[in-house]
PDB file of N, CA and C in Angstrom:
ATOM      1  N   MET A   1      72.427 119.469 156.358  1.00  0.00           N
ATOM      2  CA  MET A   1      73.504 118.549 156.077  1.00  0.00           C
ATOM      3  C   MET A   1      74.726 118.857 156.939  1.00  0.00           C
ATOM      4  N   ALA A   2      74.911 120.124 157.246  1.00  0.00           N
ATOM      5  CA  ALA A   2      76.061 120.492 158.073  1.00  0.00           C
ATOM      6  C   ALA A   2      75.913 119.934 159.492  1.00  0.00           C
ATOM      7  N   TYR A   3      74.705 119.974 160.023  1.00  0.00           N
ATOM      8  CA  TYR A   3      74.495 119.431 161.364  1.00  0.00           C
ATOM      9  C   TYR A   3      74.704 117.920 161.386  1.00  0.00           C
ATOM     10  N   PHE A   4      74.300 117.260 160.329  1.00  0.00           N
ATOM     11  CA  PHE A   4      74.519 115.817 160.224  1.00  0.00           C
ATOM     12  C   PHE A   4      76.017 115.519 160.193  1.00  0.00           C
ATOM     13  N   SER A   5      76.767 116.302 159.434  1.00  0.00           N
ATOM     14  CA  SER A   5      78.213 116.104 159.355  1.00  0.00           C
ATOM     15  C   SER A   5      78.872 116.351 160.705  1.00  0.00           C
ATOM     16  N   LEU A   6      78.434 117.397 161.399  1.00  0.00           N
ATOM     17  CA  LEU A   6      78.981 117.665 162.729  1.00  0.00           C
ATOM     18  C   LEU A   6      78.680 116.520 163.691  1.00  0.00           C
ATOM     19  N   ALA A   7      77.474 116.002 163.631  1.00  0.00           N
ATOM     20  CA  ALA A   7      77.100 114.901 164.512  1.00  0.00           C
ATOM     21  C   ALA A   7      77.913 113.643 164.200  1.00  0.00           C
ATOM     22  N   CYS A   8      78.105 113.373 162.923  1.00  0.00           N
ATOM     23  CA  CYS A   8      78.889 112.193 162.540  1.00  0.00           C
ATOM     24  C   CYS A   8      80.352 112.345 162.939  1.00  0.00           C
ATOM     25  N   LEU A   9      80.896 113.541 162.777  1.00  0.00           N
ATOM     26  CA  LEU A   9      82.279 113.762 163.206  1.00  0.00           C
ATOM     27  C   LEU A   9      82.418 113.608 164.721  1.00  0.00           C
ATOM     28  N   ALA A  10      81.432 114.081 165.451  1.00  0.00           N
ATOM     29  CA  ALA A  10      81.460 113.924 166.908  1.00  0.00           C
ATOM     30  C   ALA A  10      81.368 112.449 167.292  1.00  0.00           C
ATOM     31  N   ALA A  11      80.523 111.705 166.600  1.00  0.00           N
ATOM     32  CA  ALA A  11      80.392 110.272 166.879  1.00  0.00           C
ATOM     33  C   ALA A  11      81.692 109.536 166.554  1.00  0.00           C
ATOM     34  N   LEU A  12      82.321 109.901 165.446  1.00  0.00           N
ATOM     35  CA  LEU A  12      83.612 109.289 165.103  1.00  0.00           C
ATOM     36  C   LEU A  12      84.672 109.626 166.148  1.00  0.00           C
ATOM     37  N   LEU A  13      84.681 110.865 166.595  1.00  0.00           N
ATOM     38  CA  LEU A  13      85.649 111.285 167.601  1.00  0.00           C
ATOM     39  C   LEU A  13      85.451 110.520 168.904  1.00  0.00           C
ATOM     40  N   LEU A  14      84.216 110.424 169.339  1.00  0.00           N
ATOM     41  CA  LEU A  14      83.927 109.668 170.565  1.00  0.00           C
ATOM     42  C   LEU A  14      84.273 108.195 170.402  1.00  0.00           C
ATOM     43  N   GLY A  15      83.984 107.662 169.226  1.00  0.00           N
ATOM     44  CA  GLY A  15      84.307 106.261 168.982  1.00  0.00           C
ATOM     45  C   GLY A  15      85.798 105.988 168.961  1.00  0.00           C
ATOM     46  N   MET A  16      86.550 106.912 168.395  1.00  0.00           N
ATOM     47  CA  MET A  16      88.008 106.717 168.347  1.00  0.00           C
ATOM     48  C   MET A  16      88.640 106.882 169.728  1.00  0.00           C
ATOM     49  N   PHE A  17      88.236 107.918 170.455  1.00  0.00           N
ATOM     50  CA  PHE A  17      88.813 108.118 171.779  1.00  0.00           C
ATOM     51  C   PHE A  17      88.270 107.121 172.797  1.00  0.00           C
ATOM     52  N   GLY A  18      87.089 106.591 172.555  1.00  0.00           N
ATOM     53  CA  GLY A  18      86.527 105.582 173.445  1.00  0.00           C
ATOM     54  C   GLY A  18      86.990 104.184 173.108  1.00  0.00           C
ATOM     55  N   ASN A  19      87.829 104.073 172.080  1.00  0.00           N
ATOM     56  CA  ASN A  19      88.385 102.783 171.647  1.00  0.00           C
ATOM     57  C   ASN A  19      87.281 101.791 171.280  1.00  0.00           C
ATOM     58  N   ARG A  20      86.233 102.289 170.624  1.00  0.00           N
ATOM     59  CA  ARG A  20      85.107 101.443 170.242  1.00  0.00           C
ATOM     60  C   ARG A  20      85.134 101.076 168.768  1.00  0.00           C
ATOM     61  N   ILE A  21      86.049 101.641 168.006  1.00  0.00           N
ATOM     62  CA  ILE A  21      86.151 101.327 166.589  1.00  0.00           C
ATOM     63  C   ILE A  21      87.253 100.280 166.426  1.00  0.00           C
ATOM     64  N   PRO A  22      86.926  99.121 165.863  1.00  0.00           N
ATOM     65  CA  PRO A  22      87.953  98.089 165.684  1.00  0.00           C
ATOM     66  C   PRO A  22      89.056  98.579 164.743  1.00  0.00           C
ATOM     67  N   GLU A  23      90.245  98.082 164.960  1.00  0.00           N
ATOM     68  CA  GLU A  23      91.401  98.536 164.186  1.00  0.00           C
ATOM     69  C   GLU A  23      91.237  98.351 162.682  1.00  0.00           C
ATOM     70  N   PRO A  24      90.644  97.251 162.192  1.00  0.00           N
ATOM     71  CA  PRO A  24      90.478  97.131 160.732  1.00  0.00           C
ATOM     72  C   PRO A  24      89.524  98.164 160.130  1.00  0.00           C
ATOM     73  N   MET A  25      88.686  98.783 160.962  1.00  0.00           N
ATOM     74  CA  MET A  25      87.724  99.774 160.468  1.00  0.00           C
ATOM     75  C   MET A  25      88.262 101.202 160.514  1.00  0.00           C
ATOM     76  N   LEU A  26      89.462 101.412 161.013  1.00  0.00           N
ATOM     77  CA  LEU A  26      90.007 102.762 161.121  1.00  0.00           C
ATOM     78  C   LEU A  26      90.193 103.454 159.770  1.00  0.00           C
ATOM     79  N   PRO A  27      90.634 102.754 158.696  1.00  0.00           N
ATOM     80  CA  PRO A  27      90.711 103.456 157.409  1.00  0.00           C
ATOM     81  C   PRO A  27      89.344 103.978 156.929  1.00  0.00           C
ATOM     82  N   LEU A  28      88.302 103.210 157.172  1.00  0.00           N
ATOM     83  CA  LEU A  28      86.961 103.666 156.813  1.00  0.00           C
ATOM     84  C   LEU A  28      86.561 104.872 157.651  1.00  0.00           C
ATOM     85  N   ALA A  29      86.864 104.842 158.940  1.00  0.00           N
ATOM     86  CA  ALA A  29      86.547 105.970 159.808  1.00  0.00           C
ATOM     87  C   ALA A  29      87.316 107.219 159.376  1.00  0.00           C
ATOM     88  N   GLN A  30      88.561 107.041 158.977  1.00  0.00           N
ATOM     89  CA  GLN A  30      89.353 108.177 158.507  1.00  0.00           C
ATOM     90  C   GLN A  30      88.768 108.749 157.216  1.00  0.00           C
ATOM     91  N   THR A  31      88.363 107.892 156.310  1.00  0.00           N
ATOM     92  CA  THR A  31      87.754 108.354 155.059  1.00  0.00           C
ATOM     93  C   THR A  31      86.457 109.102 155.332  1.00  0.00           C
ATOM     94  N   LEU A  32      85.631 108.572 156.215  1.00  0.00           N
ATOM     95  CA  LEU A  32      84.385 109.253 156.562  1.00  0.00           C
ATOM     96  C   LEU A  32      84.656 110.601 157.220  1.00  0.00           C
ATOM     97  N   ALA A  33      85.685 110.679 158.044  1.00  0.00           N
ATOM     98  CA  ALA A  33      86.026 111.954 158.676  1.00  0.00           C
ATOM     99  C   ALA A  33      86.421 112.978 157.618  1.00  0.00           C
ATOM    100  N   TRP A  34      87.165 112.555 156.611  1.00  0.00           N
ATOM    101  CA  TRP A  34      87.531 113.467 155.520  1.00  0.00           C
ATOM    102  C   TRP A  34      86.291 113.922 154.752  1.00  0.00           C
ATOM    103  N   VAL A  35      85.404 112.996 154.462  1.00  0.00           N
ATOM    104  CA  VAL A  35      84.193 113.332 153.703  1.00  0.00           C
ATOM    105  C   VAL A  35      83.336 114.331 154.468  1.00  0.00           C
ATOM    106  N   PHE A  36      83.122 114.086 155.741  1.00  0.00           N
ATOM    107  CA  PHE A  36      82.297 114.990 156.542  1.00  0.00           C
ATOM    108  C   PHE A  36      82.977 116.348 156.714  1.00  0.00           C
ATOM    109  N   SER A  37      84.298 116.360 156.832  1.00  0.00           N
ATOM    110  CA  SER A  37      85.020 117.626 156.956  1.00  0.00           C
ATOM    111  C   SER A  37      84.923 118.447 155.680  1.00  0.00           C
ATOM    112  N   ILE A  38      85.075 117.796 154.544  1.00  0.00           N
ATOM    113  CA  ILE A  38      84.963 118.502 153.265  1.00  0.00           C
ATOM    114  C   ILE A  38      83.546 119.026 153.074  1.00  0.00           C
ATOM    115  N   ASN A  39      82.564 118.247 153.508  1.00  0.00           N
ATOM    116  CA  ASN A  39      81.174 118.702 153.426  1.00  0.00           C
ATOM    117  C   ASN A  39      80.968 119.977 154.253  1.00  0.00           C
ATOM    118  N   LEU A  40      81.548 120.022 155.441  1.00  0.00           N
ATOM    119  CA  LEU A  40      81.436 121.222 156.270  1.00  0.00           C
ATOM    120  C   LEU A  40      82.140 122.414 155.633  1.00  0.00           C
ATOM    121  N   LEU A  41      83.329 122.184 155.073  1.00  0.00           N
ATOM    122  CA  LEU A  41      84.045 123.272 154.412  1.00  0.00           C
ATOM    123  C   LEU A  41      83.258 123.799 153.223  1.00  0.00           C
ATOM    124  N   TYR A  42      82.644 122.911 152.467  1.00  0.00           N
ATOM    125  CA  TYR A  42      81.842 123.319 151.319  1.00  0.00           C
ATOM    126  C   TYR A  42      80.641 124.149 151.776  1.00  0.00           C
ATOM    127  N   TYR A  43      79.980 123.698 152.827  1.00  0.00           N
ATOM    128  CA  TYR A  43      78.789 124.393 153.317  1.00  0.00           C
ATOM    129  C   TYR A  43      79.135 125.782 153.859  1.00  0.00           C
ATOM    130  N   TYR A  44      80.078 125.828 154.797  1.00  0.00           N
ATOM    131  CA  TYR A  44      80.413 127.114 155.409  1.00  0.00           C
ATOM    132  C   TYR A  44      81.180 128.013 154.450  1.00  0.00           C
ATOM    133  N   GLY A  45      81.981 127.441 153.564  1.00  0.00           N
ATOM    134  CA  GLY A  45      82.662 128.242 152.544  1.00  0.00           C
ATOM    135  C   GLY A  45      81.670 128.868 151.589  1.00  0.00           C
ATOM    136  N   GLY A  46      80.652 128.109 151.204  1.00  0.00           N
ATOM    137  CA  GLY A  46      79.605 128.646 150.338  1.00  0.00           C
ATOM    138  C   GLY A  46      78.844 129.773 151.010  1.00  0.00           C
ATOM    139  N   ASN A  47      78.574 129.611 152.294  1.00  0.00           N
ATOM    140  CA  ASN A  47      77.893 130.681 153.032  1.00  0.00           C
ATOM    141  C   ASN A  47      78.760 131.930 153.102  1.00  0.00           C
ATOM    142  N   ALA A  48      80.057 131.758 153.280  1.00  0.00           N
ATOM    143  CA  ALA A  48      80.952 132.914 153.349  1.00  0.00           C
ATOM    144  C   ALA A  48      81.012 133.634 152.006  1.00  0.00           C
ATOM    145  N   VAL A  49      81.044 132.877 150.920  1.00  0.00           N
ATOM    146  CA  VAL A  49      81.077 133.493 149.589  1.00  0.00           C
ATOM    147  C   VAL A  49      79.792 134.268 149.328  1.00  0.00           C
ATOM    148  N   GLU A  50      78.658 133.681 149.676  1.00  0.00           N
ATOM    149  CA  GLU A  50      77.386 134.379 149.492  1.00  0.00           C
ATOM    150  C   GLU A  50      77.330 135.658 150.334  1.00  0.00           C
ATOM    151  N   TYR A  51      77.836 135.597 151.547  1.00  0.00           N
ATOM    152  CA  TYR A  51      77.853 136.774 152.407  1.00  0.00           C
ATOM    153  C   TYR A  51      78.711 137.876 151.782  1.00  0.00           C
ATOM    154  N   LEU A  52      79.881 137.501 151.271  1.00  0.00           N
ATOM    155  CA  LEU A  52      80.758 138.503 150.681  1.00  0.00           C
ATOM    156  C   LEU A  52      80.198 139.072 149.386  1.00  0.00           C
ATOM    157  N   LYS A  53      79.469 138.253 148.619  1.00  0.00           N
ATOM    158  CA  LYS A  53      78.843 138.759 147.397  1.00  0.00           C
ATOM    159  C   LYS A  53      77.740 139.761 147.729  1.00  0.00           C
ATOM    160  N   ASP A  54      76.935 139.479 148.725  1.00  0.00           N
ATOM    161  CA  ASP A  54      75.831 140.357 149.106  1.00  0.00           C
ATOM    162  C   ASP A  54      76.311 141.631 149.802  1.00  0.00           C
ATOM    163  N   ARG A  55      77.506 141.604 150.307  1.00  0.00           N
ATOM    164  CA  ARG A  55      78.048 142.728 151.061  1.00  0.00           C
ATOM    165  C   ARG A  55      78.370 143.907 150.166  1.00  0.00           C
ATOM    166  N   LYS A  56      78.657 143.667 148.910  1.00  0.00           N
ATOM    167  CA  LYS A  56      79.051 144.747 147.984  1.00  0.00           C
ATOM    168  C   LYS A  56      77.906 145.648 147.627  1.00  0.00           C
TER     169      LYS A  56
END
């Protein structure tokens, strides 16, 4: 799921900088960017917590 989120964020970034996303769709693109970012934070944050728990 993390790789999917990274790919979607990259596609959104390319679409925004390439001016391929119509202006009325920008709020949706922003919402999707937040969702994918939170998904990445949840995934990597969970991995960090598990690593720190196993370290003890």
